[in-house]
Amino acid sequence: GGEVTFPTAVPPTTAAPPPPPPEATEDVRPPYEKELVRLAEILGSIHYLRELCNADEGPLWRDQMNALLQAEDPQPKWRAYLVQNFNNGYRGFQRTYRQCTPSATLATKRYMAEGAELTQTMRTRYAN
């Protein structure tokens, strides 16, 4: 459990909003950038909430984020931005929920549905 870290992760801060995404001239970004950023945040949120509610899934959702990063193979600044959004999703719910409650369970279900929908949207719109 605890804070999620990745090799290129930005050190955690307290409630700082994420910086704007890297400029296109600095890193190559996919056409589904907005969806990918949101998916990273959702994965971080689910990782915290499922762990909180004793889902006994270990690093499943962090592993999903790692798989996403491997598939995208983003440039360093873009990768750091995605990781930061994962960590922001995790920390956002960590600040809100200290124990599993019905609303935490509901949030998990909603985020899982939104993540599945985003994934399907990206596959449908952008798959080769």
N, C-alpha and C. Protein backbone atom coordinates (compact mmCIF):
# COMPACT_ATOMS: atom_id res chain seq x y z
N GLY A 1 0.80 -1.18 0.00
CA GLY A 1 0.00 0.00 0.00
C GLY A 1 0.84 1.24 0.00
N GLY A 2 0.22 2.36 0.17
CA GLY A 2 0.93 3.62 0.26
C GLY A 2 1.07 4.33 -1.06
N GLU A 3 1.94 5.30 -1.06
CA GLU A 3 2.17 6.16 -2.23
C GLU A 3 2.71 5.33 -3.39
N VAL A 4 2.21 5.60 -4.56
CA VAL A 4 2.66 4.91 -5.76
C VAL A 4 3.81 5.69 -6.36
N THR A 5 4.86 5.00 -6.72
CA THR A 5 5.99 5.67 -7.35
C THR A 5 6.40 4.92 -8.60
N PHE A 6 6.94 5.64 -9.53
CA PHE A 6 7.47 5.10 -10.77
C PHE A 6 8.86 5.69 -10.93
N PRO A 7 9.72 5.08 -11.72
CA PRO A 7 11.09 5.57 -11.84
C PRO A 7 11.21 7.05 -12.19
N THR A 8 10.30 7.58 -13.00
CA THR A 8 10.42 8.97 -13.40
C THR A 8 9.37 9.85 -12.72
N ALA A 9 8.76 9.36 -11.65
CA ALA A 9 7.68 10.09 -10.99
C ALA A 9 8.19 11.37 -10.34
N VAL A 10 7.34 12.35 -10.37
CA VAL A 10 7.60 13.61 -9.69
C VAL A 10 7.35 13.36 -8.21
N PRO A 11 8.20 13.84 -7.31
CA PRO A 11 7.95 13.62 -5.88
C PRO A 11 6.57 14.15 -5.48
N PRO A 12 5.90 13.44 -4.58
CA PRO A 12 4.56 13.88 -4.19
C PRO A 12 4.58 15.24 -3.49
N THR A 13 3.52 15.97 -3.74
CA THR A 13 3.34 17.26 -3.08
C THR A 13 1.98 17.24 -2.43
N THR A 14 1.66 18.25 -1.68
CA THR A 14 0.35 18.27 -1.03
C THR A 14 -0.60 19.16 -1.81
N ALA A 15 -1.59 18.55 -2.39
CA ALA A 15 -2.70 19.22 -3.06
C ALA A 15 -2.29 20.22 -4.13
N ALA A 16 -1.13 20.07 -4.71
CA ALA A 16 -0.73 20.96 -5.80
C ALA A 16 -1.41 20.52 -7.08
N PRO A 17 -1.98 21.45 -7.81
CA PRO A 17 -2.59 21.06 -9.07
C PRO A 17 -1.50 20.61 -10.05
N PRO A 18 -1.84 19.69 -10.96
CA PRO A 18 -0.83 19.26 -11.91
C PRO A 18 -0.44 20.40 -12.83
N PRO A 19 0.81 20.39 -13.28
CA PRO A 19 1.21 21.41 -14.23
C PRO A 19 0.52 21.15 -15.57
N PRO A 20 0.52 22.12 -16.45
CA PRO A 20 -0.07 21.85 -17.75
C PRO A 20 0.72 20.76 -18.45
N PRO A 21 0.12 20.05 -19.39
CA PRO A 21 0.85 19.01 -20.09
C PRO A 21 2.05 19.60 -20.83
N PRO A 22 3.07 18.78 -21.08
CA PRO A 22 4.23 19.28 -21.81
C PRO A 22 3.81 19.83 -23.17
N GLU A 23 4.51 20.82 -23.62
CA GLU A 23 4.21 21.41 -24.93
C GLU A 23 4.49 20.38 -26.03
N ALA A 24 3.75 20.48 -27.10
CA ALA A 24 3.90 19.54 -28.21
C ALA A 24 5.32 19.58 -28.78
N THR A 25 5.98 20.73 -28.71
CA THR A 25 7.34 20.83 -29.24
C THR A 25 8.33 20.07 -28.36
N GLU A 26 8.00 19.86 -27.08
CA GLU A 26 8.89 19.16 -26.16
C GLU A 26 8.73 17.65 -26.26
N ASP A 27 7.53 17.19 -26.40
CA ASP A 27 7.24 15.77 -26.44
C ASP A 27 6.14 15.51 -27.45
N VAL A 28 6.17 14.33 -28.00
CA VAL A 28 5.11 13.92 -28.91
C VAL A 28 3.95 13.42 -28.08
N ARG A 29 2.77 13.95 -28.34
CA ARG A 29 1.58 13.54 -27.60
C ARG A 29 0.60 12.88 -28.57
N PRO A 30 -0.14 11.90 -28.09
CA PRO A 30 -1.09 11.22 -28.96
C PRO A 30 -2.34 12.06 -29.17
N PRO A 31 -3.11 11.75 -30.21
CA PRO A 31 -4.36 12.49 -30.45
C PRO A 31 -5.40 12.25 -29.36
N TYR A 32 -5.23 11.21 -28.59
CA TYR A 32 -6.15 10.87 -27.50
C TYR A 32 -5.58 11.31 -26.15
N GLU A 33 -4.82 12.37 -26.17
CA GLU A 33 -4.16 12.90 -24.97
C GLU A 33 -5.12 13.10 -23.80
N LYS A 34 -6.22 13.78 -24.05
CA LYS A 34 -7.17 14.09 -22.97
C LYS A 34 -7.69 12.81 -22.32
N GLU A 35 -8.05 11.82 -23.13
CA GLU A 35 -8.56 10.56 -22.61
C GLU A 35 -7.48 9.81 -21.82
N LEU A 36 -6.25 9.85 -22.32
CA LEU A 36 -5.15 9.15 -21.67
C LEU A 36 -4.83 9.75 -20.30
N VAL A 37 -4.84 11.07 -20.22
CA VAL A 37 -4.59 11.75 -18.95
C VAL A 37 -5.69 11.38 -17.94
N ARG A 38 -6.92 11.40 -18.38
CA ARG A 38 -8.03 11.04 -17.49
C ARG A 38 -7.93 9.58 -17.06
N LEU A 39 -7.56 8.70 -18.00
CA LEU A 39 -7.43 7.29 -17.66
C LEU A 39 -6.33 7.07 -16.62
N ALA A 40 -5.24 7.79 -16.73
CA ALA A 40 -4.17 7.69 -15.73
C ALA A 40 -4.69 8.08 -14.35
N GLU A 41 -5.46 9.16 -14.29
CA GLU A 41 -6.04 9.61 -13.02
C GLU A 41 -7.02 8.57 -12.46
N ILE A 42 -7.82 8.00 -13.34
CA ILE A 42 -8.79 6.98 -12.93
C ILE A 42 -8.07 5.76 -12.38
N LEU A 43 -7.02 5.32 -13.05
CA LEU A 43 -6.27 4.15 -12.58
C LEU A 43 -5.70 4.39 -11.18
N GLY A 44 -5.18 5.59 -10.94
CA GLY A 44 -4.67 5.92 -9.61
C GLY A 44 -5.77 5.92 -8.57
N SER A 45 -6.92 6.46 -8.94
CA SER A 45 -8.06 6.50 -8.02
C SER A 45 -8.52 5.09 -7.67
N ILE A 46 -8.67 4.26 -8.68
CA ILE A 46 -9.12 2.88 -8.46
C ILE A 46 -8.09 2.12 -7.63
N HIS A 47 -6.81 2.35 -7.91
CA HIS A 47 -5.77 1.67 -7.15
C HIS A 47 -5.93 1.94 -5.66
N TYR A 48 -6.16 3.19 -5.30
CA TYR A 48 -6.33 3.52 -3.88
C TYR A 48 -7.63 2.93 -3.33
N LEU A 49 -8.73 3.15 -4.04
CA LEU A 49 -10.04 2.74 -3.53
C LEU A 49 -10.16 1.23 -3.38
N ARG A 50 -9.65 0.47 -4.34
CA ARG A 50 -9.74 -0.98 -4.26
C ARG A 50 -8.90 -1.51 -3.10
N GLU A 51 -7.74 -0.92 -2.92
CA GLU A 51 -6.88 -1.31 -1.80
C GLU A 51 -7.57 -0.97 -0.47
N LEU A 52 -8.17 0.21 -0.40
CA LEU A 52 -8.86 0.65 0.80
C LEU A 52 -10.00 -0.31 1.16
N CYS A 53 -10.70 -0.78 0.16
CA CYS A 53 -11.86 -1.64 0.39
C CYS A 53 -11.50 -3.13 0.34
N ASN A 54 -10.21 -3.43 0.58
CA ASN A 54 -9.75 -4.81 0.72
C ASN A 54 -10.08 -5.71 -0.46
N ALA A 55 -9.84 -5.21 -1.66
CA ALA A 55 -10.12 -6.00 -2.85
C ALA A 55 -9.09 -7.12 -3.04
N ASP A 56 -7.98 -7.06 -2.32
CA ASP A 56 -6.94 -8.09 -2.38
C ASP A 56 -6.45 -8.31 -3.81
N GLU A 57 -6.19 -7.20 -4.50
CA GLU A 57 -5.71 -7.26 -5.89
C GLU A 57 -4.23 -6.90 -6.00
N GLY A 58 -3.61 -6.60 -4.87
CA GLY A 58 -2.19 -6.23 -4.91
C GLY A 58 -1.96 -5.04 -5.83
N PRO A 59 -0.93 -5.12 -6.65
CA PRO A 59 -0.58 -3.98 -7.52
C PRO A 59 -1.31 -3.98 -8.87
N LEU A 60 -2.45 -4.65 -8.96
CA LEU A 60 -3.16 -4.78 -10.24
C LEU A 60 -3.31 -3.46 -10.98
N TRP A 61 -3.79 -2.42 -10.32
CA TRP A 61 -4.09 -1.16 -11.00
C TRP A 61 -2.82 -0.37 -11.30
N ARG A 62 -1.84 -0.47 -10.45
CA ARG A 62 -0.53 0.13 -10.74
C ARG A 62 0.10 -0.61 -11.93
N ASP A 63 -0.07 -1.93 -11.97
CA ASP A 63 0.44 -2.70 -13.10
C ASP A 63 -0.26 -2.30 -14.40
N GLN A 64 -1.56 -1.99 -14.30
CA GLN A 64 -2.29 -1.52 -15.48
C GLN A 64 -1.69 -0.19 -15.98
N MET A 65 -1.35 0.67 -15.03
CA MET A 65 -0.71 1.94 -15.40
C MET A 65 0.65 1.69 -16.05
N ASN A 66 1.42 0.78 -15.48
CA ASN A 66 2.71 0.44 -16.08
C ASN A 66 2.54 -0.12 -17.48
N ALA A 67 1.54 -0.96 -17.68
CA ALA A 67 1.26 -1.51 -19.01
C ALA A 67 0.89 -0.40 -19.99
N LEU A 68 0.10 0.54 -19.52
CA LEU A 68 -0.28 1.68 -20.36
C LEU A 68 0.97 2.48 -20.76
N LEU A 69 1.86 2.72 -19.79
CA LEU A 69 3.09 3.46 -20.08
C LEU A 69 3.98 2.69 -21.05
N GLN A 70 4.07 1.39 -20.89
CA GLN A 70 4.87 0.60 -21.81
C GLN A 70 4.29 0.63 -23.21
N ALA A 71 2.97 0.54 -23.31
CA ALA A 71 2.32 0.56 -24.62
C ALA A 71 2.49 1.91 -25.31
N GLU A 72 2.38 2.98 -24.54
CA GLU A 72 2.50 4.33 -25.11
C GLU A 72 3.94 4.71 -25.38
N ASP A 73 4.86 4.23 -24.54
CA ASP A 73 6.29 4.57 -24.62
C ASP A 73 6.49 6.08 -24.79
N PRO A 74 5.95 6.87 -23.85
CA PRO A 74 6.00 8.32 -23.98
C PRO A 74 7.39 8.90 -23.72
N GLN A 75 7.61 10.10 -24.24
CA GLN A 75 8.83 10.84 -23.95
C GLN A 75 8.85 11.16 -22.45
N PRO A 76 10.04 11.44 -21.87
CA PRO A 76 10.14 11.60 -20.41
C PRO A 76 9.18 12.61 -19.78
N LYS A 77 9.04 13.78 -20.35
CA LYS A 77 8.14 14.78 -19.72
C LYS A 77 6.69 14.35 -19.80
N TRP A 78 6.30 13.77 -20.90
CA TRP A 78 4.92 13.30 -21.07
C TRP A 78 4.67 12.13 -20.13
N ARG A 79 5.64 11.24 -19.99
CA ARG A 79 5.53 10.12 -19.05
C ARG A 79 5.36 10.64 -17.62
N ALA A 80 6.19 11.60 -17.24
CA ALA A 80 6.10 12.17 -15.89
C ALA A 80 4.73 12.78 -15.64
N TYR A 81 4.17 13.43 -16.67
CA TYR A 81 2.85 14.04 -16.54
C TYR A 81 1.78 12.96 -16.32
N LEU A 82 1.86 11.87 -17.07
CA LEU A 82 0.89 10.78 -16.90
C LEU A 82 1.01 10.17 -15.51
N VAL A 83 2.24 9.93 -15.07
CA VAL A 83 2.47 9.37 -13.73
C VAL A 83 1.94 10.32 -12.67
N GLN A 84 2.17 11.60 -12.86
CA GLN A 84 1.68 12.58 -11.89
C GLN A 84 0.16 12.54 -11.80
N ASN A 85 -0.52 12.35 -12.92
CA ASN A 85 -1.98 12.27 -12.89
C ASN A 85 -2.44 10.98 -12.19
N PHE A 86 -1.73 9.88 -12.38
CA PHE A 86 -2.02 8.65 -11.64
C PHE A 86 -1.91 8.93 -10.14
N ASN A 87 -0.80 9.54 -9.74
CA ASN A 87 -0.58 9.84 -8.32
C ASN A 87 -1.59 10.84 -7.79
N ASN A 88 -2.00 11.79 -8.59
CA ASN A 88 -3.02 12.75 -8.15
C ASN A 88 -4.36 12.06 -7.91
N GLY A 89 -4.71 11.10 -8.77
CA GLY A 89 -5.93 10.34 -8.55
C GLY A 89 -5.87 9.55 -7.26
N TYR A 90 -4.73 8.93 -7.01
CA TYR A 90 -4.51 8.17 -5.78
C TYR A 90 -4.62 9.08 -4.56
N ARG A 91 -3.88 10.17 -4.58
CA ARG A 91 -3.85 11.08 -3.42
C ARG A 91 -5.18 11.78 -3.20
N GLY A 92 -5.91 12.07 -4.27
CA GLY A 92 -7.20 12.73 -4.12
C GLY A 92 -8.16 11.91 -3.27
N PHE A 93 -8.22 10.61 -3.53
CA PHE A 93 -9.09 9.76 -2.72
C PHE A 93 -8.47 9.43 -1.38
N GLN A 94 -7.16 9.42 -1.30
CA GLN A 94 -6.49 9.19 -0.02
C GLN A 94 -6.84 10.30 0.96
N ARG A 95 -6.98 11.53 0.46
CA ARG A 95 -7.37 12.65 1.32
C ARG A 95 -8.84 12.57 1.73
N THR A 96 -9.67 11.96 0.88
CA THR A 96 -11.10 11.93 1.11
C THR A 96 -11.54 10.74 1.97
N TYR A 97 -10.97 9.57 1.70
CA TYR A 97 -11.42 8.35 2.37
C TYR A 97 -10.29 7.71 3.18
N ARG A 98 -10.59 7.47 4.46
CA ARG A 98 -9.65 6.77 5.34
C ARG A 98 -10.11 5.35 5.61
N GLN A 99 -11.37 5.08 5.30
CA GLN A 99 -11.91 3.73 5.44
C GLN A 99 -12.90 3.48 4.32
N CYS A 100 -13.15 2.22 4.04
CA CYS A 100 -14.09 1.87 2.98
C CYS A 100 -15.51 2.20 3.44
N THR A 101 -16.20 2.97 2.66
CA THR A 101 -17.58 3.35 2.94
C THR A 101 -18.43 3.03 1.71
N PRO A 102 -19.75 3.07 1.86
CA PRO A 102 -20.60 2.87 0.67
C PRO A 102 -20.29 3.88 -0.45
N SER A 103 -19.97 5.12 -0.09
CA SER A 103 -19.66 6.10 -1.14
C SER A 103 -18.32 5.80 -1.80
N ALA A 104 -17.35 5.24 -1.06
CA ALA A 104 -16.08 4.84 -1.66
C ALA A 104 -16.31 3.68 -2.64
N THR A 105 -17.16 2.76 -2.25
CA THR A 105 -17.50 1.63 -3.13
C THR A 105 -18.21 2.12 -4.39
N LEU A 106 -19.13 3.06 -4.23
CA LEU A 106 -19.83 3.63 -5.37
C LEU A 106 -18.85 4.38 -6.29
N ALA A 107 -17.94 5.15 -5.70
CA ALA A 107 -16.94 5.88 -6.50
C ALA A 107 -16.09 4.89 -7.30
N THR A 108 -15.73 3.79 -6.68
CA THR A 108 -14.94 2.76 -7.38
C THR A 108 -15.70 2.24 -8.59
N LYS A 109 -16.96 1.90 -8.40
CA LYS A 109 -17.77 1.38 -9.51
C LYS A 109 -17.89 2.41 -10.63
N ARG A 110 -18.10 3.66 -10.27
CA ARG A 110 -18.23 4.70 -11.29
C ARG A 110 -16.92 4.91 -12.05
N TYR A 111 -15.80 4.92 -11.31
CA TYR A 111 -14.51 5.11 -11.96
C TYR A 111 -14.16 3.91 -12.85
N MET A 112 -14.51 2.70 -12.41
CA MET A 112 -14.25 1.53 -13.24
C MET A 112 -15.06 1.60 -14.53
N ALA A 113 -16.30 2.03 -14.43
CA ALA A 113 -17.14 2.17 -15.62
C ALA A 113 -16.59 3.26 -16.54
N GLU A 114 -16.18 4.40 -15.97
CA GLU A 114 -15.63 5.48 -16.78
C GLU A 114 -14.33 5.04 -17.45
N GLY A 115 -13.48 4.32 -16.72
CA GLY A 115 -12.23 3.83 -17.30
C GLY A 115 -12.47 2.87 -18.45
N ALA A 116 -13.44 1.97 -18.28
CA ALA A 116 -13.78 1.02 -19.35
C ALA A 116 -14.31 1.77 -20.57
N GLU A 117 -15.14 2.77 -20.32
CA GLU A 117 -15.70 3.57 -21.42
C GLU A 117 -14.60 4.34 -22.15
N LEU A 118 -13.69 4.95 -21.41
CA LEU A 118 -12.58 5.68 -22.03
C LEU A 118 -11.70 4.74 -22.87
N THR A 119 -11.41 3.58 -22.32
CA THR A 119 -10.59 2.61 -23.04
C THR A 119 -11.26 2.20 -24.34
N GLN A 120 -12.56 1.93 -24.28
CA GLN A 120 -13.29 1.55 -25.49
C GLN A 120 -13.32 2.70 -26.48
N THR A 121 -13.51 3.92 -26.01
CA THR A 121 -13.53 5.09 -26.88
C THR A 121 -12.19 5.24 -27.60
N MET A 122 -11.10 5.09 -26.86
CA MET A 122 -9.78 5.23 -27.48
C MET A 122 -9.55 4.12 -28.51
N ARG A 123 -9.97 2.89 -28.19
CA ARG A 123 -9.82 1.78 -29.14
C ARG A 123 -10.62 2.05 -30.41
N THR A 124 -11.85 2.50 -30.24
CA THR A 124 -12.74 2.71 -31.37
C THR A 124 -12.26 3.86 -32.26
N ARG A 125 -11.90 4.97 -31.64
CA ARG A 125 -11.51 6.17 -32.41
C ARG A 125 -10.11 6.14 -32.97
N TYR A 126 -9.18 5.52 -32.23
CA TYR A 126 -7.77 5.70 -32.57
C TYR A 126 -7.01 4.43 -32.91
N ALA A 127 -7.64 3.27 -32.84
CA ALA A 127 -6.93 2.04 -33.17
C ALA A 127 -6.58 2.02 -34.65
N ASN A 128 -5.42 1.45 -34.93
CA ASN A 128 -4.97 1.38 -36.35
C ASN A 128 -5.75 0.37 -37.12
